Amino acid sequence: MNAGVYQRRSVGDEDAVSQEVVREMRSAVNAGVLSLVIEQPSYGGEIGRRFEERYDGLLSSRPQHIYKALDELRGQGLVEPIELDDGGRLGQPVRGYRATGAGARAYRRWLRSPIQVGSRARHEVMVRLASTRPDDRHTAAFLLDAYEHAVLTLARNHPVRSDNVIDRLIDEERRTLADAQLRWIARARDELRTDSVEHGP
């Protein structure tokens, strides 16, 4: 098992899935846009507004990024154009997008693809968690497991040093951050369990 990747199946299977997901998604912005289109078919401006709300502080939401993502997703056959009601503002349909079957499958593979252990593991987990449906507690639990694995692996890969005060301060910051991340993961798991009891599996 590759210690640098959180995985449940064989290394060969996961590597193949990971590479396929990279080809399909191209960027986290594309994946975020696809998740929003799956959630609700919409037009570019509305997708941009929802994207900014959902991924604020995680991903860039400039209009050109949203439209570029839509163009790339359409070119890959993951979304397709449709006509949408404009809500009576202009009295005519507007061009919108909905996910294709291939897009829905790519989205599910992306959510469950391996998380690389490293400095960007937290960001990757948070983007995927923000893209997860509220009722998809299995995927949320998978992402929490992956996050915990990344935190613990990074902690093991940075043994405590005590050569000088700077080294000690850096080590202390790393340990403090890891402790906070692990506490958050534990609270998140409690929230998922409570939600499951209140709303059913």
C-alpha atoms as a PDB file:
ATOM      1  CA  MET A   1       0.000   0.000   0.000  1.00  0.00           C
ATOM      2  CA  ASN A   2       1.285   3.439  -0.932  1.00  0.00           C
ATOM      3  CA  ALA A   3       1.627   5.324   2.359  1.00  0.00           C
ATOM      4  CA  GLY A   4       1.238   8.629   0.543  1.00  0.00           C
ATOM      5  CA  VAL A   5      -2.316   7.944  -0.631  1.00  0.00           C
ATOM      6  CA  TYR A   6      -5.452   7.098   1.332  1.00  0.00           C
ATOM      7  CA  GLN A   7      -7.035   4.143  -0.416  1.00  0.00           C
ATOM      8  CA  ARG A   8      -9.330   1.193   0.144  1.00  0.00           C
ATOM      9  CA  ARG A   9      -8.767  -0.913  -2.972  1.00  0.00           C
ATOM     10  CA  SER A  10      -5.577  -2.201  -4.532  1.00  0.00           C
ATOM     11  CA  VAL A  11      -2.902   0.288  -5.502  1.00  0.00           C
ATOM     12  CA  GLY A  12      -3.254  -0.504  -9.205  1.00  0.00           C
ATOM     13  CA  ASP A  13      -7.022  -0.010  -9.186  1.00  0.00           C
ATOM     14  CA  GLU A  14      -6.802   3.271  -7.277  1.00  0.00           C
ATOM     15  CA  ASP A  15      -4.019   4.634  -9.466  1.00  0.00           C
ATOM     16  CA  ALA A  16      -6.101   3.940 -12.552  1.00  0.00           C
ATOM     17  CA  VAL A  17      -9.134   5.654 -11.044  1.00  0.00           C
ATOM     18  CA  SER A  18      -7.044   8.607  -9.861  1.00  0.00           C
ATOM     19  CA  GLN A  19      -5.527   9.188 -13.309  1.00  0.00           C
ATOM     20  CA  GLU A  20      -8.922   8.903 -14.990  1.00  0.00           C
ATOM     21  CA  VAL A  21     -10.422  11.420 -12.561  1.00  0.00           C
ATOM     22  CA  VAL A  22      -7.575  13.859 -13.211  1.00  0.00           C
ATOM     23  CA  ARG A  23      -8.217  13.635 -16.951  1.00  0.00           C
ATOM     24  CA  GLU A  24     -11.946  14.142 -16.509  1.00  0.00           C
ATOM     25  CA  MET A  25     -11.880  16.973 -13.999  1.00  0.00           C
ATOM     26  CA  ARG A  26      -8.720  18.881 -15.003  1.00  0.00           C
ATOM     27  CA  SER A  27      -9.178  21.197 -12.007  1.00  0.00           C
ATOM     28  CA  ALA A  28     -10.996  21.490  -8.678  1.00  0.00           C
ATOM     29  CA  VAL A  29     -12.972  24.402 -10.140  1.00  0.00           C
ATOM     30  CA  ASN A  30     -14.315  22.092 -12.861  1.00  0.00           C
ATOM     31  CA  ALA A  31     -15.286  19.531 -10.224  1.00  0.00           C
ATOM     32  CA  GLY A  32     -16.996  22.181  -8.107  1.00  0.00           C
ATOM     33  CA  VAL A  33     -18.948  23.519 -11.088  1.00  0.00           C
ATOM     34  CA  LEU A  34     -19.970  19.978 -12.052  1.00  0.00           C
ATOM     35  CA  SER A  35     -21.190  19.265  -8.509  1.00  0.00           C
ATOM     36  CA  LEU A  36     -23.392  22.378  -8.613  1.00  0.00           C
ATOM     37  CA  VAL A  37     -24.856  21.450 -12.021  1.00  0.00           C
ATOM     38  CA  ILE A  38     -25.635  17.955 -10.708  1.00  0.00           C
ATOM     39  CA  GLU A  39     -27.293  19.498  -7.665  1.00  0.00           C
ATOM     40  CA  GLN A  40     -29.431  21.784  -9.836  1.00  0.00           C
ATOM     41  CA  PRO A  41     -29.299  22.480 -13.579  1.00  0.00           C
ATOM     42  CA  SER A  42     -28.679  26.197 -14.032  1.00  0.00           C
ATOM     43  CA  TYR A  43     -27.170  28.912 -16.209  1.00  0.00           C
ATOM     44  CA  GLY A  44     -23.693  30.423 -15.966  1.00  0.00           C
ATOM     45  CA  GLY A  45     -24.468  33.467 -13.822  1.00  0.00           C
ATOM     46  CA  GLU A  46     -26.489  31.473 -11.294  1.00  0.00           C
ATOM     47  CA  ILE A  47     -23.812  28.782 -11.146  1.00  0.00           C
ATOM     48  CA  GLY A  48     -21.237  31.499 -10.470  1.00  0.00           C
ATOM     49  CA  ARG A  49     -23.315  32.909  -7.596  1.00  0.00           C
ATOM     50  CA  ARG A  50     -23.786  29.491  -6.015  1.00  0.00           C
ATOM     51  CA  PHE A  51     -20.122  28.650  -6.574  1.00  0.00           C
ATOM     52  CA  GLU A  52     -19.035  31.774  -4.696  1.00  0.00           C
ATOM     53  CA  GLU A  53     -21.303  30.906  -1.766  1.00  0.00           C
ATOM     54  CA  ARG A  54     -20.270  27.260  -1.611  1.00  0.00           C
ATOM     55  CA  TYR A  55     -16.514  27.535  -2.176  1.00  0.00           C
ATOM     56  CA  ASP A  56     -15.745  30.965  -0.717  1.00  0.00           C
ATOM     57  CA  GLY A  57     -12.138  30.905   0.504  1.00  0.00           C
ATOM     58  CA  LEU A  58     -11.472  27.526  -1.125  1.00  0.00           C
ATOM     59  CA  LEU A  59     -11.628  28.115  -4.887  1.00  0.00           C
ATOM     60  CA  SER A  60     -11.504  31.119  -7.191  1.00  0.00           C
ATOM     61  CA  SER A  61     -14.936  32.149  -8.403  1.00  0.00           C
ATOM     62  CA  ARG A  62     -14.202  34.747 -11.066  1.00  0.00           C
ATOM     63  CA  PRO A  63     -16.764  34.598 -13.911  1.00  0.00           C
ATOM     64  CA  GLN A  64     -14.126  33.639 -16.471  1.00  0.00           C
ATOM     65  CA  HIS A  65     -13.189  30.594 -14.377  1.00  0.00           C
ATOM     66  CA  ILE A  66     -16.811  29.438 -14.199  1.00  0.00           C
ATOM     67  CA  TYR A  67     -17.408  29.799 -17.927  1.00  0.00           C
ATOM     68  CA  LYS A  68     -14.092  28.160 -18.766  1.00  0.00           C
ATOM     69  CA  ALA A  69     -15.036  25.222 -16.534  1.00  0.00           C
ATOM     70  CA  LEU A  70     -18.437  24.917 -18.231  1.00  0.00           C
ATOM     71  CA  ASP A  71     -16.787  24.973 -21.671  1.00  0.00           C
ATOM     72  CA  GLU A  72     -14.288  22.274 -20.666  1.00  0.00           C
ATOM     73  CA  LEU A  73     -16.944  20.107 -19.008  1.00  0.00           C
ATOM     74  CA  ARG A  74     -19.142  20.391 -22.095  1.00  0.00           C
ATOM     75  CA  GLY A  75     -16.209  19.514 -24.340  1.00  0.00           C
ATOM     76  CA  GLN A  76     -15.616  16.400 -22.247  1.00  0.00           C
ATOM     77  CA  GLY A  77     -19.271  15.388 -22.440  1.00  0.00           C
ATOM     78  CA  LEU A  78     -19.807  15.827 -18.688  1.00  0.00           C
ATOM     79  CA  VAL A  79     -22.436  18.581 -19.027  1.00  0.00           C
ATOM     80  CA  GLU A  80     -24.787  19.512 -21.850  1.00  0.00           C
ATOM     81  CA  PRO A  81     -26.667  22.707 -22.738  1.00  0.00           C
ATOM     82  CA  ILE A  82     -30.401  22.991 -22.097  1.00  0.00           C
ATOM     83  CA  GLU A  83     -33.004  25.734 -22.187  1.00  0.00           C
ATOM     84  CA  LEU A  84     -34.150  27.017 -18.795  1.00  0.00           C
ATOM     85  CA  ASP A  85     -37.003  29.270 -17.747  1.00  0.00           C
ATOM     86  CA  ASP A  86     -35.606  32.677 -16.782  1.00  0.00           C
ATOM     87  CA  GLY A  87     -38.152  33.107 -14.027  1.00  0.00           C
ATOM     88  CA  GLY A  88     -40.228  35.558 -16.024  1.00  0.00           C
ATOM     89  CA  ARG A  89     -37.586  38.279 -16.093  1.00  0.00           C
ATOM     90  CA  LEU A  90     -37.280  38.395 -19.883  1.00  0.00           C
ATOM     91  CA  GLY A  91     -40.071  36.059 -20.831  1.00  0.00           C
ATOM     92  CA  GLN A  92     -37.836  33.774 -22.830  1.00  0.00           C
ATOM     93  CA  PRO A  93     -35.666  30.720 -22.191  1.00  0.00           C
ATOM     94  CA  VAL A  94     -32.036  31.112 -21.213  1.00  0.00           C
ATOM     95  CA  ARG A  95     -29.173  28.749 -21.969  1.00  0.00           C
ATOM     96  CA  GLY A  96     -28.333  26.552 -19.041  1.00  0.00           C
ATOM     97  CA  TYR A  97     -26.482  23.328 -18.297  1.00  0.00           C
ATOM     98  CA  ARG A  98     -27.244  19.944 -16.823  1.00  0.00           C
ATOM     99  CA  ALA A  99     -24.988  17.011 -16.062  1.00  0.00           C
ATOM    100  CA  THR A 100     -24.832  14.005 -18.359  1.00  0.00           C
ATOM    101  CA  GLY A 101     -24.697  10.423 -17.127  1.00  0.00           C
ATOM    102  CA  ALA A 102     -20.941  10.491 -17.721  1.00  0.00           C
ATOM    103  CA  GLY A 103     -20.741  13.678 -15.658  1.00  0.00           C
ATOM    104  CA  ALA A 104     -22.568  12.100 -12.727  1.00  0.00           C
ATOM    105  CA  ARG A 105     -20.231   9.091 -12.818  1.00  0.00           C
ATOM    106  CA  ALA A 106     -17.131  11.313 -13.027  1.00  0.00           C
ATOM    107  CA  TYR A 107     -18.375  13.335 -10.053  1.00  0.00           C
ATOM    108  CA  ARG A 108     -18.815  10.221  -7.915  1.00  0.00           C
ATOM    109  CA  ARG A 109     -15.355   8.923  -8.870  1.00  0.00           C
ATOM    110  CA  TRP A 110     -13.785  12.298  -8.068  1.00  0.00           C
ATOM    111  CA  LEU A 111     -15.365  12.419  -4.607  1.00  0.00           C
ATOM    112  CA  ARG A 112     -14.025   8.966  -3.731  1.00  0.00           C
ATOM    113  CA  SER A 113     -10.648   9.153  -5.494  1.00  0.00           C
ATOM    114  CA  PRO A 114      -7.460   8.954  -3.357  1.00  0.00           C
ATOM    115  CA  ILE A 115      -6.338  11.944  -1.313  1.00  0.00           C
ATOM    116  CA  GLN A 116      -2.624  12.645  -1.666  1.00  0.00           C
ATOM    117  CA  VAL A 117      -0.918  13.070   1.696  1.00  0.00           C
ATOM    118  CA  GLY A 118       0.826  16.432   1.788  1.00  0.00           C
ATOM    119  CA  SER A 119       0.441  20.087   2.539  1.00  0.00           C
ATOM    120  CA  ARG A 120      -2.651  20.391   0.317  1.00  0.00           C
ATOM    121  CA  ALA A 121      -4.548  17.429   1.753  1.00  0.00           C
ATOM    122  CA  ARG A 122      -6.724  19.665   3.932  1.00  0.00           C
ATOM    123  CA  HIS A 123      -7.663  21.881   0.986  1.00  0.00           C
ATOM    124  CA  GLU A 124      -8.509  18.882  -1.176  1.00  0.00           C
ATOM    125  CA  VAL A 125     -10.691  17.357   1.540  1.00  0.00           C
ATOM    126  CA  MET A 126     -12.510  20.654   2.201  1.00  0.00           C
ATOM    127  CA  VAL A 127     -13.260  21.185  -1.499  1.00  0.00           C
ATOM    128  CA  ARG A 128     -14.656  17.665  -1.818  1.00  0.00           C
ATOM    129  CA  LEU A 129     -16.607  17.973   1.421  1.00  0.00           C
ATOM    130  CA  ALA A 130     -18.150  21.227   0.178  1.00  0.00           C
ATOM    131  CA  SER A 131     -19.129  19.320  -2.984  1.00  0.00           C
ATOM    132  CA  THR A 132     -20.811  16.489  -1.070  1.00  0.00           C
ATOM    133  CA  ARG A 133     -24.597  16.322  -0.810  1.00  0.00           C
ATOM    134  CA  PRO A 134     -25.859  16.750   2.784  1.00  0.00           C
ATOM    135  CA  ASP A 135     -27.505  13.312   2.698  1.00  0.00           C
ATOM    136  CA  ASP A 136     -24.355  11.548   1.437  1.00  0.00           C
ATOM    137  CA  ARG A 137     -22.952  10.719   4.847  1.00  0.00           C
ATOM    138  CA  HIS A 138     -20.958   7.760   3.513  1.00  0.00           C
ATOM    139  CA  THR A 139     -18.848  10.028   1.314  1.00  0.00           C
ATOM    140  CA  ALA A 140     -18.499  12.552   4.147  1.00  0.00           C
ATOM    141  CA  ALA A 141     -17.247   9.760   6.421  1.00  0.00           C
ATOM    142  CA  PHE A 142     -14.820   8.589   3.729  1.00  0.00           C
ATOM    143  CA  LEU A 143     -13.407  12.122   3.433  1.00  0.00           C
ATOM    144  CA  LEU A 144     -13.026  12.430   7.212  1.00  0.00           C
ATOM    145  CA  ASP A 145     -11.140   9.111   7.259  1.00  0.00           C
ATOM    146  CA  ALA A 146      -8.886  10.363   4.456  1.00  0.00           C
ATOM    147  CA  TYR A 147      -8.275  13.649   6.288  1.00  0.00           C
ATOM    148  CA  GLU A 148      -7.382  11.845   9.510  1.00  0.00           C
ATOM    149  CA  HIS A 149      -5.010   9.538   7.637  1.00  0.00           C
ATOM    150  CA  ALA A 150      -3.274  12.533   6.029  1.00  0.00           C
ATOM    151  CA  VAL A 151      -2.918  14.384   9.346  1.00  0.00           C
ATOM    152  CA  LEU A 152      -1.495  11.351  11.158  1.00  0.00           C
ATOM    153  CA  THR A 153       0.853  10.487   8.295  1.00  0.00           C
ATOM    154  CA  LEU A 154       2.231  14.033   8.151  1.00  0.00           C
ATOM    155  CA  ALA A 155       2.713  14.007  11.931  1.00  0.00           C
ATOM    156  CA  ARG A 156       4.701  10.771  11.721  1.00  0.00           C
ATOM    157  CA  ASN A 157       6.788  12.152   8.870  1.00  0.00           C
ATOM    158  CA  HIS A 158       7.863  15.178  10.932  1.00  0.00           C
ATOM    159  CA  PRO A 159       9.611  13.858  14.049  1.00  0.00           C
ATOM    160  CA  VAL A 160      10.143  16.294  16.883  1.00  0.00           C
ATOM    161  CA  ARG A 161      13.401  18.223  16.644  1.00  0.00           C
ATOM    162  CA  SER A 162      14.981  20.154  19.476  1.00  0.00           C
ATOM    163  CA  ASP A 163      18.180  21.537  17.938  1.00  0.00           C
ATOM    164  CA  ASN A 164      17.254  25.157  18.567  1.00  0.00           C
ATOM    165  CA  VAL A 165      14.394  27.412  19.528  1.00  0.00           C
ATOM    166  CA  ILE A 166      13.221  27.945  15.936  1.00  0.00           C
ATOM    167  CA  ASP A 167      13.009  24.199  15.294  1.00  0.00           C
ATOM    168  CA  ARG A 168      11.083  23.765  18.537  1.00  0.00           C
ATOM    169  CA  LEU A 169       8.638  26.532  17.658  1.00  0.00           C
ATOM    170  CA  ILE A 170       7.995  25.043  14.216  1.00  0.00           C
ATOM    171  CA  ASP A 171       7.464  21.596  15.732  1.00  0.00           C
ATOM    172  CA  GLU A 172       5.078  23.041  18.307  1.00  0.00           C
ATOM    173  CA  GLU A 173       3.054  24.804  15.600  1.00  0.00           C
ATOM    174  CA  ARG A 174       2.774  21.572  13.614  1.00  0.00           C
ATOM    175  CA  ARG A 175       1.643  19.602  16.652  1.00  0.00           C
ATOM    176  CA  THR A 176      -0.863  22.282  17.635  1.00  0.00           C
ATOM    177  CA  LEU A 177      -2.323  22.346  14.132  1.00  0.00           C
ATOM    178  CA  ALA A 178      -2.509  18.547  13.942  1.00  0.00           C
ATOM    179  CA  ASP A 179      -4.250  18.398  17.347  1.00  0.00           C
ATOM    180  CA  ALA A 180      -6.808  20.982  16.218  1.00  0.00           C
ATOM    181  CA  GLN A 181      -7.437  19.100  12.972  1.00  0.00           C
ATOM    182  CA  LEU A 182      -7.952  15.797  14.798  1.00  0.00           C
ATOM    183  CA  ARG A 183     -10.364  17.447  17.264  1.00  0.00           C
ATOM    184  CA  TRP A 184     -12.349  18.878  14.349  1.00  0.00           C
ATOM    185  CA  ILE A 185     -12.484  15.459  12.670  1.00  0.00           C
ATOM    186  CA  ALA A 186     -13.829  13.905  15.897  1.00  0.00           C
ATOM    187  CA  ARG A 187     -16.509  16.608  16.182  1.00  0.00           C
ATOM    188  CA  ALA A 188     -17.440  16.177  12.523  1.00  0.00           C
ATOM    189  CA  ARG A 189     -17.912  12.435  13.028  1.00  0.00           C
ATOM    190  CA  ASP A 190     -20.139  13.137  16.033  1.00  0.00           C
ATOM    191  CA  GLU A 191     -22.196  15.523  13.885  1.00  0.00           C
ATOM    192  CA  LEU A 192     -22.610  12.868  11.192  1.00  0.00           C
ATOM    193  CA  ARG A 193     -23.720  10.282  13.754  1.00  0.00           C
ATOM    194  CA  THR A 194     -26.223  12.696  15.290  1.00  0.00           C
ATOM    195  CA  ASP A 195     -27.563  13.623  11.861  1.00  0.00           C
ATOM    196  CA  SER A 196     -27.916   9.949  10.965  1.00  0.00           C
ATOM    197  CA  VAL A 197     -29.930   9.274  14.126  1.00  0.00           C
ATOM    198  CA  GLU A 198     -32.175  12.300  13.563  1.00  0.00           C
ATOM    199  CA  HIS A 199     -32.782  11.834   9.838  1.00  0.00           C
ATOM    200  CA  GLY A 200     -32.141   8.145   9.276  1.00  0.00           C
ATOM    201  CA  PRO A 201     -29.322   6.385   7.403  1.00  0.00           C
END
